[in-house]
Amino acid sequence: TKNLKWFHERLKNYGSLFIGEETTVAYGDKCSGTNHILPTKGAGRYTGGLFVGKFIKTLSFQRMTKESTELVGAAAARLSRYEGMEAHARTGDVRLKKYGFLK
Protein backbone atom coordinates (compact mmCIF):
# COMPACT_ATOMS: atom_id res chain seq x y z
CA THR A 1 0.00 0.00 0.00
CA LYS A 2 1.40 3.36 -0.98
CA ASN A 3 -0.60 5.53 1.44
CA LEU A 4 -0.11 3.98 4.86
CA LYS A 5 -1.76 6.92 6.65
CA TRP A 6 -5.07 6.11 4.93
CA PHE A 7 -5.68 3.10 7.19
CA HIS A 8 -4.64 4.85 10.38
CA GLU A 9 -6.87 7.84 9.67
CA ARG A 10 -9.98 5.84 8.70
CA LEU A 11 -10.09 2.57 10.61
CA LYS A 12 -11.67 2.89 14.04
CA ASN A 13 -12.32 -0.60 15.46
CA TYR A 14 -9.27 -2.80 15.74
CA GLY A 15 -7.13 -4.37 18.43
CA SER A 16 -3.84 -3.30 16.94
CA LEU A 17 -3.11 -1.94 13.49
CA PHE A 18 0.04 -3.23 11.82
CA ILE A 19 1.05 -0.62 9.25
CA GLY A 20 3.56 -1.20 6.47
CA GLU A 21 5.42 -4.20 5.17
CA GLU A 22 8.11 -3.83 7.83
CA THR A 23 5.53 -4.49 10.55
CA THR A 24 4.30 -7.93 11.49
CA VAL A 25 1.71 -9.35 13.86
CA ALA A 26 4.45 -11.33 15.59
CA TYR A 27 6.18 -8.08 16.55
CA GLY A 28 3.05 -6.85 18.29
CA ASP A 29 2.32 -10.16 19.96
CA LYS A 30 5.84 -10.71 21.21
CA CYS A 31 7.74 -7.47 21.64
CA SER A 32 6.57 -4.13 20.19
CA GLY A 33 3.31 -3.55 22.03
CA THR A 34 -0.06 -4.92 22.94
CA ASN A 35 -1.51 -7.78 21.00
CA HIS A 36 -4.32 -7.51 18.48
CA ILE A 37 -6.96 -9.65 20.19
CA LEU A 38 -10.27 -7.85 20.53
CA PRO A 39 -12.73 -8.52 23.32
CA THR A 40 -15.78 -10.58 22.37
CA LYS A 41 -19.46 -9.77 21.80
CA GLY A 42 -18.78 -6.59 19.84
CA ALA A 43 -16.93 -4.83 22.66
CA GLY A 44 -14.26 -3.88 20.10
CA ARG A 45 -16.60 -1.05 19.07
CA TYR A 46 -15.98 0.82 22.32
CA THR A 47 -12.75 -0.56 23.75
CA GLY A 48 -9.34 -1.40 22.39
CA GLY A 49 -7.45 -4.65 22.26
CA LEU A 50 -6.66 -6.78 25.25
CA PHE A 51 -3.75 -5.77 27.45
CA VAL A 52 -2.63 -6.60 30.96
CA GLY A 53 -4.90 -3.90 32.42
CA LYS A 54 -7.96 -5.88 31.33
CA PHE A 55 -6.96 -8.63 33.74
CA ILE A 56 -6.12 -6.50 36.75
CA LYS A 57 -8.74 -5.88 39.39
CA THR A 58 -9.02 -2.21 40.19
CA LEU A 59 -10.42 -0.95 43.46
CA SER A 60 -11.49 2.54 44.35
CA PHE A 61 -12.55 4.11 47.60
CA GLN A 62 -13.71 7.44 48.91
CA ARG A 63 -13.33 8.95 52.35
CA MET A 64 -14.94 12.17 53.45
CA THR A 65 -14.24 14.36 56.43
CA LYS A 66 -16.71 16.35 58.48
CA GLU A 67 -15.37 19.46 56.78
CA SER A 68 -15.84 18.11 53.27
CA THR A 69 -19.43 17.15 54.05
CA GLU A 70 -20.56 20.77 53.86
CA LEU A 71 -19.64 21.03 50.19
CA VAL A 72 -19.92 17.43 49.00
CA GLY A 73 -23.10 16.62 50.94
CA ALA A 74 -24.88 19.69 49.64
CA ALA A 75 -23.80 19.03 46.05
CA ALA A 76 -24.76 15.35 46.23
CA ALA A 77 -28.18 16.19 47.66
CA ARG A 78 -28.82 18.85 45.03
CA LEU A 79 -27.73 16.66 42.10
CA SER A 80 -29.65 13.66 43.42
CA ARG A 81 -32.86 15.66 43.74
CA TYR A 82 -32.41 17.02 40.24
CA GLU A 83 -32.14 13.43 38.98
CA GLY A 84 -35.18 12.34 41.02
CA MET A 85 -33.17 10.20 43.42
CA GLU A 86 -34.64 11.34 46.71
CA ALA A 87 -33.11 8.56 48.83
CA HIS A 88 -29.63 9.54 47.64
CA ALA A 89 -30.41 13.19 48.38
CA ARG A 90 -31.44 12.33 51.91
CA THR A 91 -28.11 10.63 52.62
CA GLY A 92 -26.48 13.99 51.98
CA ASP A 93 -29.10 15.80 54.08
CA VAL A 94 -28.63 13.41 57.01
CA ARG A 95 -24.91 14.05 57.11
CA LEU A 96 -25.31 17.79 56.65
CA LYS A 97 -27.66 17.84 59.61
CA LYS A 98 -25.48 15.51 61.69
CA TYR A 99 -22.46 17.78 61.35
CA GLY A 100 -24.38 21.02 61.84
CA PHE A 101 -24.44 22.28 58.25
CA LEU A 102 -28.22 21.91 57.87
CA LYS A 103 -30.79 23.07 60.38
C-alpha atoms as a PDB file:
ATOM      1  CA  THR A   1       0.000   0.000   0.000  1.00  0.00           C
ATOM      2  CA  LYS A   2       1.399   3.364  -0.982  1.00  0.00           C
ATOM      3  CA  ASN A   3      -0.597   5.526   1.436  1.00  0.00           C
ATOM      4  CA  LEU A   4      -0.110   3.981   4.864  1.00  0.00           C
ATOM      5  CA  LYS A   5      -1.761   6.918   6.652  1.00  0.00           C
ATOM      6  CA  TRP A   6      -5.070   6.109   4.931  1.00  0.00           C
ATOM      7  CA  PHE A   7      -5.680   3.104   7.193  1.00  0.00           C
ATOM      8  CA  HIS A   8      -4.637   4.853  10.385  1.00  0.00           C
ATOM      9  CA  GLU A   9      -6.874   7.839   9.667  1.00  0.00           C
ATOM     10  CA  ARG A  10      -9.983   5.838   8.703  1.00  0.00           C
ATOM     11  CA  LEU A  11     -10.087   2.566  10.610  1.00  0.00           C
ATOM     12  CA  LYS A  12     -11.674   2.889  14.041  1.00  0.00           C
ATOM     13  CA  ASN A  13     -12.320  -0.605  15.456  1.00  0.00           C
ATOM     14  CA  TYR A  14      -9.267  -2.795  15.743  1.00  0.00           C
ATOM     15  CA  GLY A  15      -7.135  -4.369  18.431  1.00  0.00           C
ATOM     16  CA  SER A  16      -3.836  -3.297  16.936  1.00  0.00           C
ATOM     17  CA  LEU A  17      -3.111  -1.940  13.486  1.00  0.00           C
ATOM     18  CA  PHE A  18       0.043  -3.234  11.821  1.00  0.00           C
ATOM     19  CA  ILE A  19       1.051  -0.616   9.253  1.00  0.00           C
ATOM     20  CA  GLY A  20       3.557  -1.197   6.471  1.00  0.00           C
ATOM     21  CA  GLU A  21       5.419  -4.204   5.172  1.00  0.00           C
ATOM     22  CA  GLU A  22       8.111  -3.826   7.830  1.00  0.00           C
ATOM     23  CA  THR A  23       5.535  -4.492  10.549  1.00  0.00           C
ATOM     24  CA  THR A  24       4.301  -7.935  11.489  1.00  0.00           C
ATOM     25  CA  VAL A  25       1.710  -9.353  13.865  1.00  0.00           C
ATOM     26  CA  ALA A  26       4.450 -11.330  15.593  1.00  0.00           C
ATOM     27  CA  TYR A  27       6.181  -8.078  16.553  1.00  0.00           C
ATOM     28  CA  GLY A  28       3.046  -6.848  18.291  1.00  0.00           C
ATOM     29  CA  ASP A  29       2.321 -10.162  19.957  1.00  0.00           C
ATOM     30  CA  LYS A  30       5.840 -10.714  21.210  1.00  0.00           C
ATOM     31  CA  CYS A  31       7.742  -7.468  21.643  1.00  0.00           C
ATOM     32  CA  SER A  32       6.571  -4.130  20.186  1.00  0.00           C
ATOM     33  CA  GLY A  33       3.313  -3.547  22.034  1.00  0.00           C
ATOM     34  CA  THR A  34      -0.062  -4.917  22.943  1.00  0.00           C
ATOM     35  CA  ASN A  35      -1.513  -7.782  21.001  1.00  0.00           C
ATOM     36  CA  HIS A  36      -4.323  -7.508  18.478  1.00  0.00           C
ATOM     37  CA  ILE A  37      -6.959  -9.652  20.186  1.00  0.00           C
ATOM     38  CA  LEU A  38     -10.270  -7.852  20.526  1.00  0.00           C
ATOM     39  CA  PRO A  39     -12.731  -8.518  23.320  1.00  0.00           C
ATOM     40  CA  THR A  40     -15.782 -10.578  22.373  1.00  0.00           C
ATOM     41  CA  LYS A  41     -19.459  -9.767  21.803  1.00  0.00           C
ATOM     42  CA  GLY A  42     -18.785  -6.587  19.842  1.00  0.00           C
ATOM     43  CA  ALA A  43     -16.929  -4.828  22.657  1.00  0.00           C
ATOM     44  CA  GLY A  44     -14.260  -3.882  20.105  1.00  0.00           C
ATOM     45  CA  ARG A  45     -16.602  -1.055  19.066  1.00  0.00           C
ATOM     46  CA  TYR A  46     -15.976   0.821  22.319  1.00  0.00           C
ATOM     47  CA  THR A  47     -12.749  -0.564  23.753  1.00  0.00           C
ATOM     48  CA  GLY A  48      -9.340  -1.403  22.393  1.00  0.00           C
ATOM     49  CA  GLY A  49      -7.448  -4.652  22.262  1.00  0.00           C
ATOM     50  CA  LEU A  50      -6.664  -6.781  25.249  1.00  0.00           C
ATOM     51  CA  PHE A  51      -3.754  -5.775  27.453  1.00  0.00           C
ATOM     52  CA  VAL A  52      -2.626  -6.599  30.959  1.00  0.00           C
ATOM     53  CA  GLY A  53      -4.900  -3.903  32.419  1.00  0.00           C
ATOM     54  CA  LYS A  54      -7.963  -5.876  31.328  1.00  0.00           C
ATOM     55  CA  PHE A  55      -6.960  -8.634  33.742  1.00  0.00           C
ATOM     56  CA  ILE A  56      -6.119  -6.498  36.753  1.00  0.00           C
ATOM     57  CA  LYS A  57      -8.742  -5.884  39.385  1.00  0.00           C
ATOM     58  CA  THR A  58      -9.015  -2.208  40.190  1.00  0.00           C
ATOM     59  CA  LEU A  59     -10.421  -0.953  43.460  1.00  0.00           C
ATOM     60  CA  SER A  60     -11.494   2.539  44.349  1.00  0.00           C
ATOM     61  CA  PHE A  61     -12.547   4.112  47.603  1.00  0.00           C
ATOM     62  CA  GLN A  62     -13.712   7.436  48.915  1.00  0.00           C
ATOM     63  CA  ARG A  63     -13.332   8.950  52.351  1.00  0.00           C
ATOM     64  CA  MET A  64     -14.940  12.167  53.445  1.00  0.00           C
ATOM     65  CA  THR A  65     -14.241  14.357  56.431  1.00  0.00           C
ATOM     66  CA  LYS A  66     -16.710  16.352  58.484  1.00  0.00           C
ATOM     67  CA  GLU A  67     -15.368  19.462  56.783  1.00  0.00           C
ATOM     68  CA  SER A  68     -15.836  18.108  53.268  1.00  0.00           C
ATOM     69  CA  THR A  69     -19.434  17.153  54.047  1.00  0.00           C
ATOM     70  CA  GLU A  70     -20.563  20.774  53.863  1.00  0.00           C
ATOM     71  CA  LEU A  71     -19.642  21.027  50.186  1.00  0.00           C
ATOM     72  CA  VAL A  72     -19.921  17.426  49.004  1.00  0.00           C
ATOM     73  CA  GLY A  73     -23.101  16.616  50.935  1.00  0.00           C
ATOM     74  CA  ALA A  74     -24.885  19.691  49.638  1.00  0.00           C
ATOM     75  CA  ALA A  75     -23.798  19.030  46.051  1.00  0.00           C
ATOM     76  CA  ALA A  76     -24.763  15.347  46.228  1.00  0.00           C
ATOM     77  CA  ALA A  77     -28.180  16.194  47.659  1.00  0.00           C
ATOM     78  CA  ARG A  78     -28.818  18.846  45.027  1.00  0.00           C
ATOM     79  CA  LEU A  79     -27.731  16.664  42.103  1.00  0.00           C
ATOM     80  CA  SER A  80     -29.646  13.662  43.418  1.00  0.00           C
ATOM     81  CA  ARG A  81     -32.863  15.657  43.736  1.00  0.00           C
ATOM     82  CA  TYR A  82     -32.409  17.016  40.239  1.00  0.00           C
ATOM     83  CA  GLU A  83     -32.144  13.427  38.978  1.00  0.00           C
ATOM     84  CA  GLY A  84     -35.184  12.340  41.017  1.00  0.00           C
ATOM     85  CA  MET A  85     -33.168  10.198  43.416  1.00  0.00           C
ATOM     86  CA  GLU A  86     -34.641  11.340  46.712  1.00  0.00           C
ATOM     87  CA  ALA A  87     -33.106   8.565  48.834  1.00  0.00           C
ATOM     88  CA  HIS A  88     -29.628   9.542  47.636  1.00  0.00           C
ATOM     89  CA  ALA A  89     -30.406  13.188  48.375  1.00  0.00           C
ATOM     90  CA  ARG A  90     -31.442  12.328  51.907  1.00  0.00           C
ATOM     91  CA  THR A  91     -28.110  10.630  52.622  1.00  0.00           C
ATOM     92  CA  GLY A  92     -26.481  13.989  51.979  1.00  0.00           C
ATOM     93  CA  ASP A  93     -29.096  15.798  54.076  1.00  0.00           C
ATOM     94  CA  VAL A  94     -28.632  13.406  57.007  1.00  0.00           C
ATOM     95  CA  ARG A  95     -24.908  14.045  57.109  1.00  0.00           C
ATOM     96  CA  LEU A  96     -25.308  17.790  56.646  1.00  0.00           C
ATOM     97  CA  LYS A  97     -27.663  17.844  59.611  1.00  0.00           C
ATOM     98  CA  LYS A  98     -25.476  15.505  61.693  1.00  0.00           C
ATOM     99  CA  TYR A  99     -22.456  17.779  61.350  1.00  0.00           C
ATOM    100  CA  GLY A 100     -24.384  21.018  61.839  1.00  0.00           C
ATOM    101  CA  PHE A 101     -24.444  22.279  58.255  1.00  0.00           C
ATOM    102  CA  LEU A 102     -28.219  21.914  57.870  1.00  0.00           C
ATOM    103  CA  LYS A 103     -30.790  23.068  60.379  1.00  0.00           C
END
